[in-house]
Amino acid sequence: MPKNLIIRVSTIKFDKTPPKFWKWTSGVHKDKKPIGRECLSYIKSNECGSCRACWDHRVKHISYKEH
């Protein structure tokens, strides 16, 4: 796998814990606090800006706010 590629397995429902069979995951938080690193693009005109957390292998889980 190329060093600049990361494959994230998504949770299947809002506010659920990430699957355990894969190292890097993502999910959506709606009624609960985010799990792992929260994506803040929703407060930055839906843009990443300088953030690269989604592609960072050190970040195990990314949580996106439901919209």
Protein backbone atom coordinates (compact mmCIF):
# COMPACT_ATOMS: atom_id res chain seq x y z
CA MET A 1 0.00 0.00 0.00
CA PRO A 2 1.44 3.44 -0.87
CA LYS A 3 2.54 5.52 2.14
CA ASN A 4 0.20 8.37 1.18
CA LEU A 5 -2.90 6.13 1.07
CA ILE A 6 -5.10 5.31 4.04
CA ILE A 7 -8.22 3.16 3.89
CA ARG A 8 -10.78 3.90 6.59
CA VAL A 9 -13.65 1.52 7.37
CA SER A 10 -16.83 3.39 8.30
CA THR A 11 -19.27 2.66 11.07
CA ILE A 12 -22.68 1.65 9.76
CA LYS A 13 -24.80 3.87 12.06
CA PHE A 14 -24.53 7.27 13.75
CA ASP A 15 -22.91 7.46 17.21
CA LYS A 16 -21.61 3.87 17.13
CA THR A 17 -18.20 2.60 18.16
CA PRO A 18 -15.80 1.87 15.32
CA PRO A 19 -15.30 -1.65 14.00
CA LYS A 20 -12.43 -3.51 15.63
CA PHE A 21 -11.26 -5.52 12.62
CA TRP A 22 -9.52 -2.56 10.94
CA LYS A 23 -6.89 -0.16 12.29
CA TRP A 24 -8.24 3.09 10.74
CA THR A 25 -11.91 4.00 10.88
CA SER A 26 -14.41 6.82 10.49
CA GLY A 27 -17.92 7.52 11.67
CA VAL A 28 -20.63 10.11 12.16
CA HIS A 29 -21.65 11.64 15.47
CA LYS A 30 -25.12 13.11 15.90
CA ASP A 31 -26.39 12.93 19.50
CA LYS A 32 -23.18 11.96 21.28
CA LYS A 33 -19.68 13.34 21.63
CA PRO A 34 -17.32 12.49 18.76
CA ILE A 35 -15.17 9.39 19.05
CA GLY A 36 -11.51 9.94 18.22
CA ARG A 37 -10.60 13.05 16.21
CA GLU A 38 -13.49 15.30 15.20
CA CYS A 39 -13.46 16.69 11.68
CA LEU A 40 -13.96 20.46 12.01
CA SER A 41 -14.60 21.24 8.36
CA TYR A 42 -18.26 22.00 9.16
CA ILE A 43 -17.13 25.19 10.94
CA LYS A 44 -14.68 26.08 8.15
CA SER A 45 -17.04 26.38 5.15
CA ASN A 46 -16.79 22.59 4.65
CA GLU A 47 -13.12 22.85 3.73
CA CYS A 48 -10.15 21.00 5.17
CA GLY A 49 -7.84 24.00 5.14
CA SER A 50 -4.46 22.83 6.42
CA CYS A 51 -5.89 19.82 8.28
CA ARG A 52 -4.78 16.43 7.01
CA ALA A 53 -6.06 14.24 9.86
CA CYS A 54 -8.02 11.97 7.51
CA TRP A 55 -4.79 10.96 5.80
CA ASP A 56 -2.68 10.73 8.96
CA HIS A 57 -1.87 7.15 9.96
CA ARG A 58 -1.47 8.27 13.59
CA VAL A 59 -5.19 9.23 13.72
CA LYS A 60 -7.08 5.98 14.29
CA HIS A 61 -10.66 7.32 14.09
CA ILE A 62 -12.20 10.39 12.44
CA SER A 63 -15.70 11.48 13.49
CA TYR A 64 -17.77 13.69 11.20
CA LYS A 65 -20.69 15.78 12.49
CA GLU A 66 -24.05 14.74 11.06
CA HIS A 67 -25.46 17.28 8.60
